[in-house]
């Protein structure tokens, strides 16, 4: 149907100092911690996919 895509839920465990940093970062950006974590992960995944796609193209040439 034409609704919003359903995203998968994941769980991540962070050391307390990193979790606190993430909470403060989210607060500064007026975002939920989960929303900020998802945005960070998406950016890193996109960069990794681009890197791997580029490496595959380079090795095929």
N, C-alpha and C. Protein backbone atom coordinates (compact mmCIF):
# COMPACT_ATOMS: atom_id res chain seq x y z
N UNK A 1 0.84 -1.19 0.00
CA UNK A 1 0.00 0.00 0.00
C UNK A 1 0.87 1.24 0.00
N UNK A 2 0.27 2.39 -0.09
CA UNK A 2 1.01 3.63 -0.27
C UNK A 2 1.47 4.29 1.01
N UNK A 3 1.60 3.54 2.10
CA UNK A 3 2.02 4.14 3.36
C UNK A 3 3.51 4.34 3.45
N UNK A 4 3.91 4.79 4.61
CA UNK A 4 5.32 5.02 4.91
C UNK A 4 6.06 3.68 4.96
N UNK A 5 7.29 3.62 4.45
CA UNK A 5 8.03 2.36 4.54
C UNK A 5 8.30 1.99 6.00
N UNK A 6 8.28 0.73 6.28
CA UNK A 6 8.54 0.27 7.64
C UNK A 6 10.05 0.05 7.79
N UNK A 7 10.62 0.69 8.78
CA UNK A 7 12.05 0.55 9.04
C UNK A 7 12.28 -0.54 10.07
N UNK A 8 13.43 -1.18 9.97
CA UNK A 8 13.79 -2.20 10.95
C UNK A 8 14.37 -1.56 12.18
N UNK A 9 14.12 -2.18 13.30
CA UNK A 9 14.65 -1.70 14.57
C UNK A 9 15.91 -2.48 14.88
N UNK A 10 16.93 -1.78 15.36
CA UNK A 10 18.15 -2.44 15.82
C UNK A 10 18.46 -1.95 17.22
N UNK A 11 19.29 -2.68 17.92
CA UNK A 11 19.72 -2.29 19.25
C UNK A 11 21.23 -2.15 19.24
N UNK A 12 21.72 -1.11 19.87
CA UNK A 12 23.17 -0.90 19.96
C UNK A 12 23.52 -0.63 21.41
N UNK A 13 24.64 -1.14 21.85
CA UNK A 13 25.12 -0.92 23.20
C UNK A 13 26.37 -0.05 23.13
N UNK A 14 26.37 1.04 23.89
CA UNK A 14 27.49 1.98 23.90
C UNK A 14 28.07 2.09 25.30
N UNK A 15 29.36 2.40 25.38
CA UNK A 15 29.93 2.71 26.70
C UNK A 15 29.22 3.94 27.26
N UNK A 16 29.10 4.04 28.57
CA UNK A 16 28.36 5.16 29.17
C UNK A 16 28.80 6.54 28.72
N UNK A 17 30.11 6.75 28.56
CA UNK A 17 30.57 8.08 28.15
C UNK A 17 30.14 8.41 26.72
N UNK A 18 30.12 7.42 25.84
CA UNK A 18 29.69 7.65 24.46
C UNK A 18 28.17 7.87 24.41
N UNK A 19 27.44 7.13 25.21
CA UNK A 19 25.99 7.30 25.26
C UNK A 19 25.64 8.69 25.77
N UNK A 20 26.35 9.16 26.77
CA UNK A 20 26.10 10.50 27.32
C UNK A 20 26.41 11.56 26.27
N UNK A 21 27.51 11.39 25.54
CA UNK A 21 27.85 12.33 24.48
C UNK A 21 26.75 12.37 23.44
N UNK A 22 26.25 11.20 23.04
CA UNK A 22 25.18 11.13 22.05
C UNK A 22 23.92 11.83 22.55
N UNK A 23 23.59 11.64 23.83
CA UNK A 23 22.40 12.30 24.42
C UNK A 23 22.54 13.82 24.38
N UNK A 24 23.73 14.31 24.74
CA UNK A 24 23.95 15.75 24.75
C UNK A 24 23.92 16.31 23.32
N UNK A 25 24.49 15.59 22.40
CA UNK A 25 24.49 15.99 20.98
C UNK A 25 23.05 16.08 20.49
N UNK A 26 22.27 15.09 20.77
CA UNK A 26 20.86 15.08 20.35
C UNK A 26 20.10 16.25 20.97
N UNK A 27 20.38 16.52 22.23
CA UNK A 27 19.71 17.63 22.91
C UNK A 27 20.05 18.96 22.24
N UNK A 28 21.33 19.13 21.89
CA UNK A 28 21.76 20.38 21.23
C UNK A 28 21.08 20.56 19.87
N UNK A 29 20.76 19.47 19.21
CA UNK A 29 20.12 19.53 17.89
C UNK A 29 18.60 19.39 17.96
N UNK A 30 18.07 19.34 19.20
CA UNK A 30 16.62 19.21 19.40
C UNK A 30 16.08 17.98 18.67
N UNK A 31 16.77 16.86 18.83
CA UNK A 31 16.39 15.60 18.20
C UNK A 31 16.33 14.52 19.26
N UNK A 32 15.59 13.47 18.95
CA UNK A 32 15.61 12.29 19.80
C UNK A 32 16.94 11.56 19.59
N UNK A 33 17.40 10.90 20.62
CA UNK A 33 18.66 10.16 20.53
C UNK A 33 18.59 9.12 19.42
N UNK A 34 17.49 8.39 19.35
CA UNK A 34 17.34 7.36 18.32
C UNK A 34 17.37 7.95 16.92
N UNK A 35 16.76 9.13 16.76
CA UNK A 35 16.75 9.78 15.45
C UNK A 35 18.16 10.19 15.05
N UNK A 36 18.91 10.74 15.99
CA UNK A 36 20.29 11.14 15.70
C UNK A 36 21.15 9.92 15.40
N UNK A 37 21.01 8.87 16.19
CA UNK A 37 21.78 7.65 15.97
C UNK A 37 21.47 7.07 14.58
N UNK A 38 20.21 7.07 14.20
CA UNK A 38 19.83 6.56 12.88
C UNK A 38 20.46 7.41 11.78
N UNK A 39 20.45 8.73 11.93
CA UNK A 39 21.03 9.62 10.93
C UNK A 39 22.54 9.37 10.80
N UNK A 40 23.22 9.19 11.93
CA UNK A 40 24.66 8.92 11.91
C UNK A 40 24.93 7.60 11.19
N UNK A 41 24.18 6.57 11.55
CA UNK A 41 24.36 5.27 10.92
C UNK A 41 24.10 5.32 9.42
N UNK A 42 23.04 6.01 9.02
CA UNK A 42 22.73 6.11 7.60
C UNK A 42 23.86 6.80 6.84
N UNK A 43 24.42 7.86 7.41
CA UNK A 43 25.54 8.56 6.76
C UNK A 43 26.75 7.65 6.61
N UNK A 44 27.07 6.90 7.64
CA UNK A 44 28.23 6.01 7.60
C UNK A 44 27.98 4.86 6.62
N UNK A 45 26.78 4.31 6.62
CA UNK A 45 26.45 3.23 5.69
C UNK A 45 26.51 3.72 4.25
N UNK A 46 25.96 4.90 3.99
CA UNK A 46 26.02 5.47 2.63
C UNK A 46 27.47 5.64 2.18
N UNK A 47 28.33 6.15 3.07
CA UNK A 47 29.74 6.35 2.73
C UNK A 47 30.42 5.01 2.46
N UNK A 48 30.13 4.00 3.25
CA UNK A 48 30.74 2.68 3.07
C UNK A 48 30.27 2.05 1.76
N UNK A 49 28.99 2.19 1.46
CA UNK A 49 28.48 1.64 0.19
C UNK A 49 29.14 2.34 -1.00
N UNK A 50 29.30 3.64 -0.91
CA UNK A 50 29.96 4.39 -1.98
C UNK A 50 31.41 3.95 -2.13
N UNK A 51 32.09 3.78 -1.02
CA UNK A 51 33.48 3.31 -1.02
C UNK A 51 33.59 1.93 -1.66
N UNK A 52 32.70 1.03 -1.28
CA UNK A 52 32.75 -0.33 -1.83
C UNK A 52 32.39 -0.36 -3.31
N UNK A 53 31.43 0.46 -3.71
CA UNK A 53 31.05 0.54 -5.12
C UNK A 53 32.22 1.09 -5.93
N UNK A 54 32.88 2.11 -5.40
CA UNK A 54 34.03 2.70 -6.07
C UNK A 54 35.17 1.70 -6.18
N UNK A 55 35.42 0.95 -5.11
CA UNK A 55 36.50 -0.05 -5.11
C UNK A 55 36.20 -1.15 -6.13
N UNK A 56 34.95 -1.55 -6.24
CA UNK A 56 34.57 -2.59 -7.19
C UNK A 56 34.77 -2.10 -8.62
N UNK A 57 34.40 -0.85 -8.89
CA UNK A 57 34.58 -0.29 -10.22
C UNK A 57 36.07 -0.16 -10.56
N UNK A 58 36.88 0.25 -9.57
CA UNK A 58 38.33 0.41 -9.78
C UNK A 58 38.99 -0.94 -10.07
N UNK A 59 38.58 -1.98 -9.40
CA UNK A 59 39.21 -3.29 -9.62
C UNK A 59 38.76 -3.93 -10.92
N UNK A 60 37.61 -3.51 -11.44
CA UNK A 60 37.12 -4.06 -12.71
C UNK A 60 37.79 -3.37 -13.91
N UNK A 61 38.35 -2.21 -13.67
CA UNK A 61 38.95 -1.45 -14.78
C UNK A 61 40.33 -1.92 -15.15
